[in-house]
Amino acid sequence: MTQQTRGCFFALEGIDGSGKSTQLALLAGALERAGYPCSTTCEPTGGPVGTLLRQVLTGQVTCDSRVVAPLFVADRLDHLLRPGDGLLATLDRGVTVVSDRYYFSSYAYQSVDLPLEWVIEANRPCAHLLRPTATLFLDVDPALALDRIARGRDHTELFETRERLERTREQYFRAFERERDRERVLILPGDRPPEELARDIWAQVLPLLPQP
C-alpha cells in the first residue's frame, strides 16, 4: 500500500453486549497480519465532551435528553478533526481505522427520546466529513446481549435493560433503512462463536481493502 493511499474506515455497530470489542480486536489483528497498518478507536472519546457523555450514559450526570445528540456531534467532530491522531489525519497517513461505534451510535442512544429524523440531521455535518467504508452491524438477540452485559461488566449503563436493547436494535434498523442509499451497512448474525463471526467479518472486509 502506497503512502498516498488513504486507509479504509470500518465501524463496528450493534447493541451493547453484541461482542463489538472482541471483534474489533480480532479484525485489527487480521488487518495487521495482512500488511495493513491499523488503528483502533471508539466513541465516545476520552476528550472532555466524550467523558461527559460517558457520565451521562452511566447515570453519573443527569442531562436533558435534547442535548445528548449535539454532544455526540461535538465529540465526533473533535474525533474527526483533531490534529495528529484524529480520524481524518490517521486515514490520510494510509492507516486503516476500526472504530467501536461511529455514525449510527447517536441514533441508537437518542432516537428513543427524539425523532430519528432530527438525530440524523444533527449528525449530517459529520457524515459530510467522513462516512465509513462499511458499517459492520453485529446483530444479536437482546436477551443474549443482556446476559453478556450482566456477566462481563462491573456495572451496566443507565438504559441497559431488555426493553432498552430491543428498542435500540429497532432504531438501528430504522436508521439503516433511512440511510440505505448513503451508507454501506453489512448485517452479520452475531449469535455464534466469536471465531466464526470473525472469519465472516474478514471475508466481508477483505474485498473492500486496497491491494497491498
N, C-alpha and C. Protein backbone atom coordinates (compact mmCIF):
# COMPACT_ATOMS: atom_id res chain seq x y z
N MET A 1 0.85 -1.18 0.00
CA MET A 1 0.00 0.00 0.00
C MET A 1 0.89 1.24 0.00
N THR A 2 0.65 2.19 -0.90
CA THR A 2 1.49 3.36 -1.00
C THR A 2 1.15 4.37 0.07
N GLN A 3 2.11 5.30 0.29
CA GLN A 3 1.90 6.35 1.28
C GLN A 3 0.70 7.21 0.94
N GLN A 4 0.39 7.33 -0.38
CA GLN A 4 -0.67 8.23 -0.79
C GLN A 4 -2.06 7.60 -0.68
N THR A 5 -2.15 6.31 -0.46
CA THR A 5 -3.45 5.65 -0.39
C THR A 5 -4.10 5.89 0.96
N ARG A 6 -5.29 6.46 0.95
CA ARG A 6 -6.00 6.67 2.21
C ARG A 6 -6.45 5.33 2.77
N GLY A 7 -6.33 5.19 4.08
CA GLY A 7 -6.76 3.96 4.72
C GLY A 7 -8.27 3.81 4.68
N CYS A 8 -8.73 2.59 4.84
CA CYS A 8 -10.16 2.32 4.93
C CYS A 8 -10.63 2.55 6.37
N PHE A 9 -11.92 2.80 6.50
CA PHE A 9 -12.51 3.08 7.81
C PHE A 9 -13.70 2.16 8.02
N PHE A 10 -13.61 1.29 9.03
CA PHE A 10 -14.68 0.35 9.33
C PHE A 10 -15.24 0.65 10.72
N ALA A 11 -16.56 0.75 10.81
CA ALA A 11 -17.22 0.97 12.09
C ALA A 11 -17.96 -0.29 12.49
N LEU A 12 -17.73 -0.75 13.71
CA LEU A 12 -18.47 -1.88 14.25
C LEU A 12 -19.62 -1.35 15.10
N GLU A 13 -20.83 -1.76 14.76
CA GLU A 13 -22.01 -1.31 15.48
C GLU A 13 -22.80 -2.52 15.97
N GLY A 14 -23.70 -2.26 16.89
CA GLY A 14 -24.55 -3.29 17.45
C GLY A 14 -25.01 -2.84 18.82
N ILE A 15 -26.03 -3.47 19.33
CA ILE A 15 -26.45 -3.14 20.69
C ILE A 15 -25.35 -3.56 21.65
N ASP A 16 -25.28 -2.92 22.81
CA ASP A 16 -24.28 -3.32 23.79
C ASP A 16 -24.45 -4.79 24.13
N GLY A 17 -23.32 -5.49 24.28
CA GLY A 17 -23.38 -6.92 24.51
C GLY A 17 -23.32 -7.74 23.23
N SER A 18 -23.14 -7.07 22.08
CA SER A 18 -23.08 -7.79 20.80
C SER A 18 -21.69 -8.33 20.49
N GLY A 19 -20.71 -8.01 21.32
CA GLY A 19 -19.35 -8.53 21.09
C GLY A 19 -18.48 -7.65 20.25
N LYS A 20 -18.81 -6.36 20.18
CA LYS A 20 -18.04 -5.44 19.32
C LYS A 20 -16.57 -5.36 19.72
N SER A 21 -16.29 -5.26 21.02
CA SER A 21 -14.90 -5.10 21.46
C SER A 21 -14.05 -6.30 21.06
N THR A 22 -14.61 -7.50 21.20
CA THR A 22 -13.89 -8.70 20.80
C THR A 22 -13.61 -8.70 19.31
N GLN A 23 -14.63 -8.38 18.52
CA GLN A 23 -14.46 -8.40 17.07
C GLN A 23 -13.56 -7.27 16.58
N LEU A 24 -13.58 -6.14 17.25
CA LEU A 24 -12.68 -5.05 16.90
C LEU A 24 -11.23 -5.52 17.04
N ALA A 25 -10.90 -6.16 18.16
CA ALA A 25 -9.53 -6.64 18.39
C ALA A 25 -9.14 -7.71 17.37
N LEU A 26 -10.08 -8.63 17.07
CA LEU A 26 -9.77 -9.69 16.11
C LEU A 26 -9.57 -9.13 14.70
N LEU A 27 -10.41 -8.16 14.32
CA LEU A 27 -10.27 -7.56 12.99
C LEU A 27 -8.97 -6.77 12.88
N ALA A 28 -8.64 -6.01 13.91
CA ALA A 28 -7.38 -5.25 13.89
C ALA A 28 -6.19 -6.19 13.74
N GLY A 29 -6.20 -7.31 14.45
CA GLY A 29 -5.12 -8.27 14.32
C GLY A 29 -5.03 -8.85 12.92
N ALA A 30 -6.17 -9.17 12.33
CA ALA A 30 -6.18 -9.71 10.97
C ALA A 30 -5.65 -8.69 9.97
N LEU A 31 -6.02 -7.43 10.13
CA LEU A 31 -5.53 -6.38 9.24
C LEU A 31 -4.01 -6.25 9.33
N GLU A 32 -3.49 -6.22 10.54
CA GLU A 32 -2.05 -6.08 10.72
C GLU A 32 -1.31 -7.26 10.10
N ARG A 33 -1.80 -8.48 10.31
CA ARG A 33 -1.14 -9.66 9.76
C ARG A 33 -1.17 -9.65 8.23
N ALA A 34 -2.21 -9.03 7.65
CA ALA A 34 -2.32 -8.96 6.19
C ALA A 34 -1.53 -7.79 5.60
N GLY A 35 -0.85 -7.03 6.45
CA GLY A 35 0.00 -5.95 5.96
C GLY A 35 -0.64 -4.58 5.92
N TYR A 36 -1.76 -4.41 6.63
CA TYR A 36 -2.45 -3.12 6.68
C TYR A 36 -2.25 -2.49 8.06
N PRO A 37 -1.43 -1.44 8.17
CA PRO A 37 -1.31 -0.76 9.47
C PRO A 37 -2.70 -0.35 9.95
N CYS A 38 -2.98 -0.59 11.23
CA CYS A 38 -4.34 -0.43 11.74
C CYS A 38 -4.34 0.35 13.04
N SER A 39 -5.34 1.21 13.19
CA SER A 39 -5.57 1.94 14.43
C SER A 39 -6.99 1.64 14.90
N THR A 40 -7.16 1.39 16.20
CA THR A 40 -8.48 1.14 16.75
C THR A 40 -8.89 2.30 17.64
N THR A 41 -10.17 2.59 17.66
CA THR A 41 -10.67 3.71 18.43
C THR A 41 -12.13 3.44 18.79
N CYS A 42 -12.73 4.36 19.54
CA CYS A 42 -14.13 4.18 19.91
C CYS A 42 -14.75 5.54 20.21
N GLU A 43 -16.05 5.54 20.28
CA GLU A 43 -16.81 6.71 20.71
C GLU A 43 -17.77 6.28 21.80
N PRO A 44 -18.07 7.17 22.76
CA PRO A 44 -17.48 8.48 22.96
C PRO A 44 -15.97 8.39 23.21
N THR A 45 -15.27 9.47 22.89
CA THR A 45 -13.82 9.50 23.03
C THR A 45 -13.44 9.82 24.47
N GLY A 46 -12.14 9.91 24.71
CA GLY A 46 -11.64 10.24 26.03
C GLY A 46 -11.49 11.73 26.28
N GLY A 47 -11.93 12.56 25.31
CA GLY A 47 -11.85 14.01 25.49
C GLY A 47 -12.90 14.52 26.45
N PRO A 48 -12.93 15.83 26.69
CA PRO A 48 -13.87 16.39 27.68
C PRO A 48 -15.34 16.09 27.36
N VAL A 49 -15.74 16.26 26.10
CA VAL A 49 -17.13 16.01 25.75
C VAL A 49 -17.44 14.52 25.82
N GLY A 50 -16.51 13.68 25.34
CA GLY A 50 -16.72 12.24 25.41
C GLY A 50 -16.81 11.75 26.85
N THR A 51 -16.00 12.32 27.72
CA THR A 51 -16.04 11.95 29.13
C THR A 51 -17.41 12.30 29.73
N LEU A 52 -17.92 13.48 29.39
CA LEU A 52 -19.24 13.89 29.87
C LEU A 52 -20.31 12.93 29.34
N LEU A 53 -20.21 12.55 28.07
CA LEU A 53 -21.18 11.63 27.50
C LEU A 53 -21.19 10.29 28.24
N ARG A 54 -20.02 9.78 28.55
CA ARG A 54 -19.96 8.51 29.28
C ARG A 54 -20.59 8.66 30.67
N GLN A 55 -20.39 9.80 31.31
CA GLN A 55 -21.00 10.03 32.61
C GLN A 55 -22.52 10.10 32.50
N VAL A 56 -23.01 10.68 31.41
CA VAL A 56 -24.46 10.74 31.19
C VAL A 56 -25.01 9.33 30.96
N LEU A 57 -24.33 8.55 30.11
CA LEU A 57 -24.81 7.23 29.75
C LEU A 57 -24.77 6.25 30.92
N THR A 58 -23.86 6.47 31.86
CA THR A 58 -23.78 5.60 33.03
C THR A 58 -24.55 6.14 34.22
N GLY A 59 -25.27 7.27 34.04
CA GLY A 59 -26.11 7.80 35.09
C GLY A 59 -25.40 8.62 36.14
N GLN A 60 -24.11 8.90 35.95
CA GLN A 60 -23.38 9.72 36.92
C GLN A 60 -23.75 11.19 36.83
N VAL A 61 -24.18 11.62 35.62
CA VAL A 61 -24.57 13.00 35.38
C VAL A 61 -25.96 12.99 34.77
N THR A 62 -26.85 13.82 35.28
CA THR A 62 -28.19 13.95 34.72
C THR A 62 -28.18 15.02 33.65
N CYS A 63 -28.77 14.71 32.51
CA CYS A 63 -28.70 15.62 31.36
C CYS A 63 -30.01 15.56 30.61
N ASP A 64 -30.51 16.71 30.19
CA ASP A 64 -31.71 16.76 29.36
C ASP A 64 -31.45 16.00 28.07
N SER A 65 -32.38 15.14 27.68
CA SER A 65 -32.16 14.29 26.51
C SER A 65 -31.91 15.09 25.24
N ARG A 66 -32.42 16.32 25.19
CA ARG A 66 -32.28 17.11 23.97
C ARG A 66 -30.84 17.54 23.69
N VAL A 67 -29.97 17.49 24.68
CA VAL A 67 -28.60 17.94 24.45
C VAL A 67 -27.64 16.78 24.17
N VAL A 68 -28.10 15.53 24.31
CA VAL A 68 -27.17 14.42 24.19
C VAL A 68 -26.71 14.24 22.74
N ALA A 69 -27.63 14.28 21.77
CA ALA A 69 -27.22 14.13 20.37
C ALA A 69 -26.26 15.23 19.93
N PRO A 70 -26.50 16.53 20.26
CA PRO A 70 -25.49 17.54 19.93
C PRO A 70 -24.14 17.30 20.60
N LEU A 71 -24.15 16.73 21.81
CA LEU A 71 -22.88 16.39 22.45
C LEU A 71 -22.16 15.30 21.66
N PHE A 72 -22.91 14.31 21.17
CA PHE A 72 -22.29 13.29 20.33
C PHE A 72 -21.66 13.93 19.09
N VAL A 73 -22.35 14.87 18.47
CA VAL A 73 -21.83 15.51 17.28
C VAL A 73 -20.55 16.28 17.61
N ALA A 74 -20.55 17.02 18.72
CA ALA A 74 -19.36 17.78 19.11
C ALA A 74 -18.18 16.84 19.36
N ASP A 75 -18.43 15.71 20.04
CA ASP A 75 -17.36 14.76 20.31
C ASP A 75 -16.86 14.13 19.01
N ARG A 76 -17.78 13.82 18.11
CA ARG A 76 -17.37 13.21 16.84
C ARG A 76 -16.57 14.18 15.98
N LEU A 77 -16.96 15.44 15.94
CA LEU A 77 -16.20 16.41 15.17
C LEU A 77 -14.77 16.53 15.69
N ASP A 78 -14.60 16.52 17.02
CA ASP A 78 -13.26 16.53 17.59
C ASP A 78 -12.51 15.26 17.20
N HIS A 79 -13.20 14.12 17.25
CA HIS A 79 -12.61 12.84 16.88
C HIS A 79 -12.15 12.86 15.43
N LEU A 80 -12.93 13.47 14.56
CA LEU A 80 -12.60 13.54 13.14
C LEU A 80 -11.45 14.49 12.84
N LEU A 81 -11.47 15.66 13.44
CA LEU A 81 -10.62 16.76 13.00
C LEU A 81 -9.40 17.00 13.86
N ARG A 82 -9.27 16.31 14.99
CA ARG A 82 -8.14 16.56 15.88
C ARG A 82 -6.82 16.37 15.14
N PRO A 83 -5.92 17.35 15.19
CA PRO A 83 -4.62 17.20 14.51
C PRO A 83 -3.83 16.02 15.08
N GLY A 84 -3.12 15.36 14.22
CA GLY A 84 -2.24 14.28 14.67
C GLY A 84 -2.93 12.94 14.74
N ASP A 85 -3.83 12.75 15.71
CA ASP A 85 -4.45 11.44 15.89
C ASP A 85 -5.93 11.42 15.57
N GLY A 86 -6.47 12.48 14.94
CA GLY A 86 -7.86 12.47 14.52
C GLY A 86 -8.08 11.45 13.41
N LEU A 87 -9.35 11.09 13.20
CA LEU A 87 -9.65 10.06 12.21
C LEU A 87 -9.16 10.44 10.81
N LEU A 88 -9.44 11.67 10.39
CA LEU A 88 -9.05 12.06 9.04
C LEU A 88 -7.53 12.06 8.87
N ALA A 89 -6.81 12.57 9.87
CA ALA A 89 -5.35 12.60 9.79
C ALA A 89 -4.78 11.18 9.78
N THR A 90 -5.37 10.29 10.56
CA THR A 90 -4.90 8.91 10.60
C THR A 90 -5.13 8.21 9.28
N LEU A 91 -6.31 8.37 8.72
CA LEU A 91 -6.63 7.76 7.43
C LEU A 91 -5.74 8.32 6.32
N ASP A 92 -5.45 9.62 6.36
CA ASP A 92 -4.62 10.24 5.33
C ASP A 92 -3.18 9.74 5.37
N ARG A 93 -2.76 9.17 6.51
CA ARG A 93 -1.43 8.56 6.60
C ARG A 93 -1.42 7.14 6.03
N GLY A 94 -2.55 6.67 5.51
CA GLY A 94 -2.63 5.34 4.95
C GLY A 94 -2.95 4.26 5.96
N VAL A 95 -3.35 4.65 7.17
CA VAL A 95 -3.67 3.70 8.22
C VAL A 95 -5.15 3.33 8.13
N THR A 96 -5.46 2.05 8.25
CA THR A 96 -6.85 1.60 8.31
C THR A 96 -7.34 1.78 9.74
N VAL A 97 -8.53 2.35 9.90
CA VAL A 97 -9.10 2.60 11.22
C VAL A 97 -10.31 1.70 11.43
N VAL A 98 -10.37 1.08 12.61
CA VAL A 98 -11.53 0.30 13.02
C VAL A 98 -12.08 0.94 14.29
N SER A 99 -13.36 1.30 14.28
CA SER A 99 -13.95 2.03 15.40
C SER A 99 -15.14 1.27 15.98
N ASP A 100 -15.19 1.18 17.31
CA ASP A 100 -16.36 0.69 18.02
C ASP A 100 -17.31 1.87 18.17
N ARG A 101 -18.37 1.87 17.38
CA ARG A 101 -19.35 2.95 17.29
C ARG A 101 -18.82 4.07 16.39
N TYR A 102 -19.77 4.61 15.62
CA TYR A 102 -19.46 5.83 14.87
C TYR A 102 -20.76 6.51 14.49
N TYR A 103 -21.07 6.51 13.19
CA TYR A 103 -22.14 7.37 12.71
C TYR A 103 -23.51 7.03 13.30
N PHE A 104 -23.81 5.75 13.43
CA PHE A 104 -25.15 5.37 13.88
C PHE A 104 -25.30 5.40 15.40
N SER A 105 -24.22 5.60 16.13
CA SER A 105 -24.33 5.47 17.59
C SER A 105 -25.25 6.53 18.18
N SER A 106 -25.23 7.73 17.64
CA SER A 106 -26.12 8.77 18.16
C SER A 106 -27.58 8.41 17.92
N TYR A 107 -27.85 7.75 16.79
CA TYR A 107 -29.22 7.34 16.53
C TYR A 107 -29.68 6.38 17.63
N ALA A 108 -28.83 5.41 17.90
CA ALA A 108 -29.22 4.35 18.82
C ALA A 108 -29.50 4.89 20.21
N TYR A 109 -28.66 5.80 20.68
CA TYR A 109 -28.85 6.32 22.03
C TYR A 109 -30.01 7.29 22.13
N GLN A 110 -30.18 8.13 21.10
CA GLN A 110 -31.08 9.24 21.30
C GLN A 110 -32.42 9.14 20.60
N SER A 111 -32.55 8.32 19.59
CA SER A 111 -33.82 8.33 18.86
C SER A 111 -34.95 7.69 19.65
N VAL A 112 -34.64 7.06 20.79
CA VAL A 112 -35.71 6.61 21.67
C VAL A 112 -36.47 7.81 22.23
N ASP A 113 -35.76 8.92 22.44
CA ASP A 113 -36.37 10.10 23.07
C ASP A 113 -36.59 11.25 22.10
N LEU A 114 -35.98 11.20 20.94
CA LEU A 114 -36.09 12.27 19.95
C LEU A 114 -36.44 11.68 18.59
N PRO A 115 -37.09 12.44 17.73
CA PRO A 115 -37.40 11.92 16.40
C PRO A 115 -36.12 11.52 15.66
N LEU A 116 -36.15 10.36 15.02
CA LEU A 116 -34.99 9.86 14.30
C LEU A 116 -34.52 10.86 13.26
N GLU A 117 -35.44 11.50 12.58
CA GLU A 117 -35.06 12.47 11.54
C GLU A 117 -34.21 13.59 12.13
N TRP A 118 -34.58 14.06 13.33
CA TRP A 118 -33.82 15.14 13.98
C TRP A 118 -32.40 14.69 14.27
N VAL A 119 -32.26 13.45 14.77
CA VAL A 119 -30.93 12.94 15.12
C VAL A 119 -30.07 12.77 13.88
N ILE A 120 -30.65 12.27 12.79
CA ILE A 120 -29.91 12.12 11.54
C ILE A 120 -29.42 13.47 11.05
N GLU A 121 -30.26 14.48 11.10
CA GLU A 121 -29.85 15.80 10.64
C GLU A 121 -28.78 16.40 11.54
N ALA A 122 -28.85 16.12 12.84
CA ALA A 122 -27.81 16.60 13.75
C ALA A 122 -26.46 15.98 13.40
N ASN A 123 -26.47 14.77 12.90
CA ASN A 123 -25.24 14.07 12.52
C ASN A 123 -24.72 14.45 11.14
N ARG A 124 -25.52 15.15 10.36
CA ARG A 124 -25.17 15.38 8.97
C ARG A 124 -23.81 16.05 8.76
N PRO A 125 -23.39 17.04 9.57
CA PRO A 125 -22.05 17.63 9.36
C PRO A 125 -20.93 16.60 9.44
N CYS A 126 -21.05 15.65 10.36
CA CYS A 126 -20.03 14.61 10.50
C CYS A 126 -20.05 13.67 9.30
N ALA A 127 -21.25 13.35 8.82
CA ALA A 127 -21.38 12.45 7.68
C ALA A 127 -20.77 13.06 6.42
N HIS A 128 -20.86 14.37 6.29
CA HIS A 128 -20.27 15.02 5.12
C HIS A 128 -18.74 14.94 5.16
N LEU A 129 -18.18 14.91 6.36
CA LEU A 129 -16.72 14.84 6.50
C LEU A 129 -16.19 13.42 6.29
N LEU A 130 -16.89 12.43 6.81
CA LEU A 130 -16.39 11.06 6.71
C LEU A 130 -17.52 10.07 6.91
N ARG A 131 -17.65 9.16 5.96
CA ARG A 131 -18.53 8.02 6.11
C ARG A 131 -17.67 6.76 6.13
N PRO A 132 -18.06 5.75 6.89
CA PRO A 132 -17.28 4.52 6.91
C PRO A 132 -17.21 3.85 5.54
N THR A 133 -16.09 3.19 5.27
CA THR A 133 -16.02 2.31 4.11
C THR A 133 -17.15 1.30 4.20
N ALA A 134 -17.38 0.79 5.40
CA ALA A 134 -18.52 -0.07 5.68
C ALA A 134 -18.81 -0.03 7.17
N THR A 135 -20.09 -0.11 7.51
CA THR A 135 -20.51 -0.30 8.89
C THR A 135 -20.86 -1.78 9.06
N LEU A 136 -20.21 -2.43 10.01
CA LEU A 136 -20.44 -3.85 10.27
C LEU A 136 -21.34 -3.96 11.49
N PHE A 137 -22.59 -4.34 11.27
CA PHE A 137 -23.56 -4.41 12.35
C PHE A 137 -23.66 -5.84 12.85
N LEU A 138 -23.29 -6.05 14.13
CA LEU A 138 -23.33 -7.37 14.73
C LEU A 138 -24.69 -7.55 15.38
N ASP A 139 -25.52 -8.36 14.76
CA ASP A 139 -26.90 -8.49 15.19
C ASP A 139 -27.05 -9.68 16.13
N VAL A 140 -27.43 -9.42 17.38
CA VAL A 140 -27.63 -10.49 18.36
C VAL A 140 -29.00 -10.33 19.00
N ASP A 141 -29.49 -11.41 19.57
CA ASP A 141 -30.74 -11.37 20.30
C ASP A 141 -30.55 -10.53 21.57
N PRO A 142 -31.46 -9.58 21.86
CA PRO A 142 -31.29 -8.74 23.05
C PRO A 142 -31.15 -9.52 24.36
N ALA A 143 -31.80 -10.69 24.47
CA ALA A 143 -31.67 -11.48 25.69
C ALA A 143 -30.24 -11.97 25.87
N LEU A 144 -29.61 -12.42 24.77
CA LEU A 144 -28.22 -12.85 24.83
C LEU A 144 -27.31 -11.67 25.16
N ALA A 145 -27.58 -10.53 24.54
CA ALA A 145 -26.77 -9.35 24.81
C ALA A 145 -26.85 -8.95 26.28
N LEU A 146 -28.04 -8.96 26.84
CA LEU A 146 -28.20 -8.58 28.24
C LEU A 146 -27.47 -9.55 29.15
N ASP A 147 -27.50 -10.83 28.81
CA ASP A 147 -26.78 -11.83 29.60
C ASP A 147 -25.28 -11.58 29.55
N ARG A 148 -24.76 -11.25 28.36
CA ARG A 148 -23.33 -10.94 28.23
C ARG A 148 -22.95 -9.72 29.06
N ILE A 149 -23.81 -8.69 29.02
CA ILE A 149 -23.55 -7.48 29.80
C ILE A 149 -23.48 -7.80 31.29
N ALA A 150 -24.44 -8.58 31.76
CA ALA A 150 -24.50 -8.90 33.18
C ALA A 150 -23.29 -9.70 33.63
N ARG A 151 -22.78 -10.58 32.75
CA ARG A 151 -21.64 -11.41 33.11
C ARG A 151 -20.30 -10.71 32.91
N GLY A 152 -20.27 -9.69 32.05
CA GLY A 152 -18.98 -9.15 31.63
C GLY A 152 -18.62 -7.77 32.13
N ARG A 153 -19.46 -7.15 32.93
CA ARG A 153 -19.17 -5.79 33.36
C ARG A 153 -19.34 -5.62 34.85
N ASP A 154 -18.59 -4.66 35.39
CA ASP A 154 -18.75 -4.32 36.80
C ASP A 154 -20.03 -3.51 37.03
N HIS A 155 -20.50 -2.84 36.01
CA HIS A 155 -21.75 -2.08 36.11
C HIS A 155 -22.43 -2.11 34.76
N THR A 156 -23.70 -1.84 34.73
CA THR A 156 -24.42 -1.70 33.46
C THR A 156 -24.81 -0.24 33.29
N GLU A 157 -24.83 0.19 32.04
CA GLU A 157 -25.15 1.58 31.77
C GLU A 157 -26.63 1.85 32.03
N LEU A 158 -26.94 3.13 32.08
CA LEU A 158 -28.23 3.59 32.56
C LEU A 158 -29.41 2.90 31.88
N PHE A 159 -29.36 2.74 30.58
CA PHE A 159 -30.52 2.28 29.84
C PHE A 159 -30.44 0.81 29.45
N GLU A 160 -29.51 0.06 29.97
CA GLU A 160 -29.34 -1.31 29.51
C GLU A 160 -30.28 -2.26 30.23
N THR A 161 -31.46 -2.35 29.68
CA THR A 161 -32.46 -3.33 30.07
C THR A 161 -32.88 -4.07 28.81
N ARG A 162 -33.59 -5.16 28.97
CA ARG A 162 -34.06 -5.92 27.78
C ARG A 162 -34.89 -5.00 26.88
N GLU A 163 -35.78 -4.23 27.46
CA GLU A 163 -36.62 -3.34 26.67
C GLU A 163 -35.78 -2.30 25.94
N ARG A 164 -34.80 -1.72 26.63
CA ARG A 164 -33.95 -0.72 26.01
C ARG A 164 -33.15 -1.31 24.85
N LEU A 165 -32.59 -2.50 25.04
CA LEU A 165 -31.81 -3.12 23.98
C LEU A 165 -32.69 -3.44 22.77
N GLU A 166 -33.91 -3.90 23.01
CA GLU A 166 -34.82 -4.19 21.90
C GLU A 166 -35.16 -2.92 21.13
N ARG A 167 -35.44 -1.84 21.86
CA ARG A 167 -35.79 -0.58 21.20
C ARG A 167 -34.59 -0.02 20.44
N THR A 168 -33.40 -0.16 21.02
CA THR A 168 -32.19 0.32 20.35
C THR A 168 -31.95 -0.44 19.06
N ARG A 169 -32.10 -1.76 19.10
CA ARG A 169 -31.93 -2.56 17.89
C ARG A 169 -32.93 -2.13 16.81
N GLU A 170 -34.17 -1.89 17.20
CA GLU A 170 -35.17 -1.44 16.24
C GLU A 170 -34.77 -0.10 15.63
N GLN A 171 -34.21 0.80 16.44
CA GLN A 171 -33.83 2.11 15.93
C GLN A 171 -32.66 2.01 14.96
N TYR A 172 -31.73 1.10 15.22
CA TYR A 172 -30.66 0.88 14.26
C TYR A 172 -31.24 0.52 12.90
N PHE A 173 -32.17 -0.42 12.87
CA PHE A 173 -32.70 -0.87 11.59
C PHE A 173 -33.52 0.22 10.91
N ARG A 174 -34.19 1.05 11.68
CA ARG A 174 -34.87 2.20 11.09
C ARG A 174 -33.87 3.16 10.47
N ALA A 175 -32.75 3.37 11.15
CA ALA A 175 -31.71 4.26 10.60
C ALA A 175 -31.09 3.65 9.35
N PHE A 176 -30.85 2.34 9.36
CA PHE A 176 -30.29 1.69 8.18
C PHE A 176 -31.22 1.87 6.98
N GLU A 177 -32.51 1.70 7.21
CA GLU A 177 -33.47 1.86 6.12
C GLU A 177 -33.50 3.31 5.63
N ARG A 178 -33.45 4.24 6.56
CA ARG A 178 -33.49 5.66 6.21
C ARG A 178 -32.26 6.09 5.42
N GLU A 179 -31.09 5.51 5.74
CA GLU A 179 -29.83 5.94 5.14
C GLU A 179 -29.26 4.95 4.12
N ARG A 180 -30.07 4.02 3.65
CA ARG A 180 -29.53 2.93 2.86
C ARG A 180 -28.89 3.39 1.55
N ASP A 181 -29.29 4.50 1.01
CA ASP A 181 -28.69 4.99 -0.23
C ASP A 181 -27.37 5.71 0.01
N ARG A 182 -27.05 6.00 1.27
CA ARG A 182 -25.83 6.76 1.59
C ARG A 182 -24.80 5.92 2.34
N GLU A 183 -25.21 4.82 2.93
CA GLU A 183 -24.33 4.03 3.79
C GLU A 183 -24.20 2.60 3.27
N ARG A 184 -22.99 2.05 3.42
CA ARG A 184 -22.78 0.62 3.16
C ARG A 184 -22.83 -0.09 4.52
N VAL A 185 -23.92 -0.79 4.79
CA VAL A 185 -24.10 -1.49 6.05
C VAL A 185 -24.14 -2.99 5.79
N LEU A 186 -23.28 -3.72 6.47
CA LEU A 186 -23.24 -5.17 6.37
C LEU A 186 -23.75 -5.76 7.68
N ILE A 187 -24.89 -6.44 7.63
CA ILE A 187 -25.51 -7.00 8.83
C ILE A 187 -25.04 -8.44 8.99
N LEU A 188 -24.40 -8.72 10.13
CA LEU A 188 -23.78 -10.02 10.36
C LEU A 188 -24.45 -10.71 11.54
N PRO A 189 -24.98 -11.91 11.37
CA PRO A 189 -25.58 -12.64 12.50
C PRO A 189 -24.53 -12.86 13.59
N GLY A 190 -24.82 -12.38 14.80
CA GLY A 190 -23.83 -12.42 15.86
C GLY A 190 -24.04 -13.50 16.89
N ASP A 191 -25.11 -14.30 16.77
CA ASP A 191 -25.40 -15.35 17.76
C ASP A 191 -24.63 -16.63 17.41
N ARG A 192 -23.30 -16.55 17.46
CA ARG A 192 -22.46 -17.69 17.11
C ARG A 192 -21.08 -17.49 17.73
N PRO A 193 -20.22 -18.49 17.69
CA PRO A 193 -18.90 -18.35 18.33
C PRO A 193 -18.11 -17.18 17.76
N PRO A 194 -17.37 -16.47 18.60
CA PRO A 194 -16.62 -15.29 18.14
C PRO A 194 -15.67 -15.58 16.97
N GLU A 195 -15.03 -16.75 16.98
CA GLU A 195 -14.08 -17.07 15.91
C GLU A 195 -14.79 -17.21 14.57
N GLU A 196 -15.98 -17.81 14.59
CA GLU A 196 -16.76 -17.96 13.35
C GLU A 196 -17.21 -16.60 12.84
N LEU A 197 -17.68 -15.74 13.74
CA LEU A 197 -18.08 -14.39 13.35
C LEU A 197 -16.90 -13.62 12.80
N ALA A 198 -15.73 -13.76 13.42
CA ALA A 198 -14.53 -13.05 12.96
C ALA A 198 -14.16 -13.46 11.53
N ARG A 199 -14.30 -14.74 11.22
CA ARG A 199 -14.00 -15.20 9.85
C ARG A 199 -14.96 -14.57 8.86
N ASP A 200 -16.23 -14.47 9.23
CA ASP A 200 -17.24 -13.85 8.37
C ASP A 200 -16.92 -12.37 8.15
N ILE A 201 -16.56 -11.68 9.23
CA ILE A 201 -16.21 -10.27 9.11
C ILE A 201 -15.03 -10.08 8.17
N TRP A 202 -14.01 -10.91 8.32
CA TRP A 202 -12.83 -10.78 7.47
C TRP A 202 -13.20 -11.03 6.00
N ALA A 203 -14.07 -11.99 5.74
CA ALA A 203 -14.50 -12.26 4.37
C ALA A 203 -15.23 -11.07 3.76
N GLN A 204 -15.95 -10.31 4.60
CA GLN A 204 -16.68 -9.14 4.12
C GLN A 204 -15.74 -7.94 3.93
N VAL A 205 -14.72 -7.83 4.80
CA VAL A 205 -13.82 -6.68 4.76
C VAL A 205 -12.78 -6.79 3.66
N LEU A 206 -12.26 -7.98 3.44
CA LEU A 206 -11.11 -8.16 2.54
C LEU A 206 -11.35 -7.58 1.14
N PRO A 207 -12.52 -7.79 0.51
CA PRO A 207 -12.69 -7.23 -0.85
C PRO A 207 -12.73 -5.70 -0.88
N LEU A 208 -12.93 -5.06 0.28
CA LEU A 208 -13.01 -3.61 0.31
C LEU A 208 -11.66 -2.93 0.52
N LEU A 209 -10.64 -3.72 0.81
CA LEU A 209 -9.31 -3.17 1.09
C LEU A 209 -8.53 -2.94 -0.20
N PRO A 210 -7.68 -1.90 -0.25
CA PRO A 210 -6.79 -1.75 -1.41
C PRO A 210 -5.76 -2.86 -1.42
N GLN A 211 -5.25 -3.18 -2.59
CA GLN A 211 -4.22 -4.21 -2.69
C GLN A 211 -2.93 -3.71 -2.07
N PRO A 212 -2.33 -4.49 -1.14
CA PRO A 212 -1.08 -4.04 -0.50
C PRO A 212 0.08 -4.07 -1.48
